Amino acid sequence: MMDSFLFANFLSLRLWYALPLVVAVSLVYAATRHESMLPILQHAWRIAVWIVGFMSIVFVILFLLEWHYL
């Protein structure tokens, strides 16, 4: 029980570092594809959702693997 609490606490602290990275990567990627502000923001939003979705899928897979082998 204590290990899962420590894991959840560690995870919640480290996930905040992903937020500025996702924002920066999505904005830069979208800005390389468009020149106007509105298409950049729309594309950045779509890319950010895609990145967060992909990271979530990888997290769930790794979490299930860890849970299965403990």
N, C-alpha and C. Protein backbone atom coordinates (compact mmCIF):
# COMPACT_ATOMS: atom_id res chain seq x y z
N MET A 1 0.83 -1.19 0.00
CA MET A 1 0.00 0.00 0.00
C MET A 1 0.87 1.25 0.00
N MET A 2 1.94 1.24 0.75
CA MET A 2 2.81 2.40 0.84
C MET A 2 3.53 2.66 -0.48
N ASP A 3 3.90 1.59 -1.20
CA ASP A 3 4.60 1.77 -2.47
C ASP A 3 3.73 2.47 -3.49
N SER A 4 2.45 2.11 -3.57
CA SER A 4 1.57 2.75 -4.54
C SER A 4 1.35 4.22 -4.18
N PHE A 5 1.31 4.54 -2.88
CA PHE A 5 1.18 5.94 -2.47
C PHE A 5 2.40 6.74 -2.90
N LEU A 6 3.59 6.18 -2.69
CA LEU A 6 4.81 6.87 -3.10
C LEU A 6 4.88 7.03 -4.61
N PHE A 7 4.44 6.00 -5.34
CA PHE A 7 4.43 6.08 -6.80
C PHE A 7 3.49 7.17 -7.28
N ALA A 8 2.29 7.23 -6.71
CA ALA A 8 1.32 8.24 -7.11
C ALA A 8 1.82 9.64 -6.79
N ASN A 9 2.46 9.82 -5.64
CA ASN A 9 3.00 11.12 -5.26
C ASN A 9 4.13 11.53 -6.20
N PHE A 10 5.02 10.60 -6.50
CA PHE A 10 6.13 10.85 -7.42
C PHE A 10 5.60 11.19 -8.80
N LEU A 11 4.61 10.46 -9.25
CA LEU A 11 4.04 10.66 -10.57
C LEU A 11 3.37 12.03 -10.68
N SER A 12 2.63 12.43 -9.66
CA SER A 12 1.93 13.70 -9.72
C SER A 12 2.91 14.88 -9.77
N LEU A 13 4.05 14.74 -9.12
CA LEU A 13 5.05 15.82 -9.17
C LEU A 13 5.73 15.88 -10.54
N ARG A 14 6.03 14.75 -11.12
CA ARG A 14 6.76 14.70 -12.39
C ARG A 14 5.89 15.04 -13.59
N LEU A 15 4.59 14.81 -13.51
CA LEU A 15 3.73 15.09 -14.66
C LEU A 15 3.62 16.58 -14.95
N TRP A 16 3.83 17.41 -13.96
CA TRP A 16 3.74 18.86 -14.20
C TRP A 16 4.85 19.34 -15.12
N TYR A 17 5.97 18.60 -15.19
CA TYR A 17 7.04 18.97 -16.10
C TYR A 17 6.66 18.73 -17.56
N ALA A 18 5.69 17.86 -17.80
CA ALA A 18 5.28 17.56 -19.16
C ALA A 18 4.44 18.68 -19.77
N LEU A 19 3.73 19.43 -18.95
CA LEU A 19 2.83 20.46 -19.46
C LEU A 19 3.54 21.53 -20.29
N PRO A 20 4.60 22.18 -19.80
CA PRO A 20 5.26 23.18 -20.65
C PRO A 20 5.94 22.55 -21.86
N LEU A 21 6.38 21.32 -21.74
CA LEU A 21 6.99 20.65 -22.89
C LEU A 21 5.97 20.37 -23.98
N VAL A 22 4.80 19.92 -23.61
CA VAL A 22 3.75 19.66 -24.60
C VAL A 22 3.32 20.95 -25.27
N VAL A 23 3.16 22.01 -24.50
CA VAL A 23 2.77 23.30 -25.06
C VAL A 23 3.84 23.81 -26.03
N ALA A 24 5.10 23.76 -25.62
CA ALA A 24 6.18 24.27 -26.47
C ALA A 24 6.32 23.45 -27.74
N VAL A 25 6.30 22.14 -27.62
CA VAL A 25 6.47 21.30 -28.80
C VAL A 25 5.31 21.48 -29.77
N SER A 26 4.10 21.52 -29.26
CA SER A 26 2.95 21.67 -30.16
C SER A 26 2.93 23.04 -30.83
N LEU A 27 3.29 24.09 -30.11
CA LEU A 27 3.32 25.42 -30.73
C LEU A 27 4.41 25.54 -31.78
N VAL A 28 5.58 25.01 -31.50
CA VAL A 28 6.68 25.08 -32.47
C VAL A 28 6.35 24.25 -33.70
N TYR A 29 5.82 23.05 -33.49
CA TYR A 29 5.47 22.19 -34.62
C TYR A 29 4.40 22.86 -35.49
N ALA A 30 3.38 23.42 -34.87
CA ALA A 30 2.32 24.08 -35.63
C ALA A 30 2.84 25.33 -36.33
N ALA A 31 3.76 26.05 -35.71
CA ALA A 31 4.29 27.27 -36.32
C ALA A 31 5.16 26.96 -37.53
N THR A 32 5.72 25.76 -37.60
CA THR A 32 6.51 25.40 -38.79
C THR A 32 5.61 25.03 -39.96
N ARG A 33 4.33 24.83 -39.71
CA ARG A 33 3.39 24.44 -40.76
C ARG A 33 2.52 25.59 -41.25
N HIS A 34 2.32 26.61 -40.43
CA HIS A 34 1.41 27.70 -40.78
C HIS A 34 2.08 29.04 -40.50
N GLU A 35 1.51 30.11 -41.08
CA GLU A 35 2.04 31.45 -40.85
C GLU A 35 1.09 32.34 -40.06
N SER A 36 -0.20 32.10 -40.15
CA SER A 36 -1.18 32.91 -39.43
C SER A 36 -1.41 32.37 -38.03
N MET A 37 -1.79 33.27 -37.13
CA MET A 37 -1.93 32.89 -35.72
C MET A 37 -3.06 31.90 -35.48
N LEU A 38 -4.22 32.10 -36.08
CA LEU A 38 -5.36 31.21 -35.82
C LEU A 38 -5.09 29.77 -36.27
N PRO A 39 -4.58 29.54 -37.49
CA PRO A 39 -4.25 28.15 -37.84
C PRO A 39 -3.15 27.55 -36.97
N ILE A 40 -2.21 28.36 -36.52
CA ILE A 40 -1.15 27.86 -35.63
C ILE A 40 -1.77 27.37 -34.32
N LEU A 41 -2.66 28.16 -33.73
CA LEU A 41 -3.27 27.77 -32.46
C LEU A 41 -4.17 26.55 -32.61
N GLN A 42 -4.91 26.48 -33.73
CA GLN A 42 -5.78 25.33 -33.95
C GLN A 42 -4.95 24.06 -34.13
N HIS A 43 -3.90 24.14 -34.92
CA HIS A 43 -3.04 22.98 -35.15
C HIS A 43 -2.30 22.61 -33.86
N ALA A 44 -1.85 23.60 -33.11
CA ALA A 44 -1.16 23.33 -31.85
C ALA A 44 -2.08 22.61 -30.88
N TRP A 45 -3.35 22.99 -30.84
CA TRP A 45 -4.30 22.31 -29.95
C TRP A 45 -4.46 20.85 -30.35
N ARG A 46 -4.61 20.59 -31.65
CA ARG A 46 -4.76 19.21 -32.12
C ARG A 46 -3.52 18.38 -31.81
N ILE A 47 -2.35 18.95 -32.02
CA ILE A 47 -1.10 18.24 -31.75
C ILE A 47 -0.96 17.98 -30.24
N ALA A 48 -1.31 18.96 -29.42
CA ALA A 48 -1.20 18.79 -27.97
C ALA A 48 -2.11 17.67 -27.49
N VAL A 49 -3.33 17.61 -28.02
CA VAL A 49 -4.26 16.53 -27.65
C VAL A 49 -3.68 15.19 -28.09
N TRP A 50 -3.10 15.13 -29.27
CA TRP A 50 -2.50 13.90 -29.76
C TRP A 50 -1.34 13.46 -28.87
N ILE A 51 -0.48 14.39 -28.49
CA ILE A 51 0.67 14.07 -27.64
C ILE A 51 0.21 13.57 -26.27
N VAL A 52 -0.73 14.26 -25.66
CA VAL A 52 -1.23 13.85 -24.34
C VAL A 52 -1.92 12.49 -24.43
N GLY A 53 -2.66 12.25 -25.49
CA GLY A 53 -3.30 10.95 -25.68
C GLY A 53 -2.28 9.84 -25.82
N PHE A 54 -1.25 10.09 -26.61
CA PHE A 54 -0.20 9.08 -26.80
C PHE A 54 0.54 8.83 -25.49
N MET A 55 0.86 9.89 -24.75
CA MET A 55 1.53 9.72 -23.46
C MET A 55 0.64 8.95 -22.48
N SER A 56 -0.65 9.19 -22.52
CA SER A 56 -1.58 8.48 -21.63
C SER A 56 -1.63 7.00 -21.96
N ILE A 57 -1.66 6.66 -23.24
CA ILE A 57 -1.68 5.26 -23.63
C ILE A 57 -0.40 4.56 -23.18
N VAL A 58 0.74 5.19 -23.38
CA VAL A 58 2.01 4.60 -22.95
C VAL A 58 2.03 4.46 -21.42
N PHE A 59 1.52 5.45 -20.71
CA PHE A 59 1.47 5.37 -19.25
C PHE A 59 0.63 4.20 -18.78
N VAL A 60 -0.55 4.03 -19.39
CA VAL A 60 -1.44 2.94 -18.98
C VAL A 60 -0.76 1.59 -19.25
N ILE A 61 -0.11 1.44 -20.38
CA ILE A 61 0.58 0.19 -20.70
C ILE A 61 1.68 -0.08 -19.67
N LEU A 62 2.50 0.91 -19.38
CA LEU A 62 3.57 0.72 -18.41
C LEU A 62 3.03 0.47 -17.01
N PHE A 63 1.98 1.16 -16.63
CA PHE A 63 1.38 0.95 -15.32
C PHE A 63 0.83 -0.46 -15.19
N LEU A 64 0.16 -0.96 -16.23
CA LEU A 64 -0.38 -2.32 -16.19
C LEU A 64 0.74 -3.35 -16.16
N LEU A 65 1.81 -3.10 -16.88
CA LEU A 65 2.95 -4.03 -16.83
C LEU A 65 3.58 -4.06 -15.45
N GLU A 66 3.72 -2.89 -14.83
CA GLU A 66 4.30 -2.84 -13.49
C GLU A 66 3.36 -3.52 -12.49
N TRP A 67 2.08 -3.27 -12.61
CA TRP A 67 1.11 -3.84 -11.69
C TRP A 67 1.07 -5.36 -11.83
N HIS A 68 1.19 -5.85 -13.05
CA HIS A 68 1.14 -7.29 -13.30
C HIS A 68 2.36 -8.00 -12.71
N TYR A 69 3.52 -7.40 -12.77
CA TYR A 69 4.74 -8.05 -12.34
C TYR A 69 5.09 -7.80 -10.87
N LEU A 70 4.31 -7.01 -10.17
CA LEU A 70 4.57 -6.81 -8.73
C LEU A 70 3.80 -7.78 -7.96
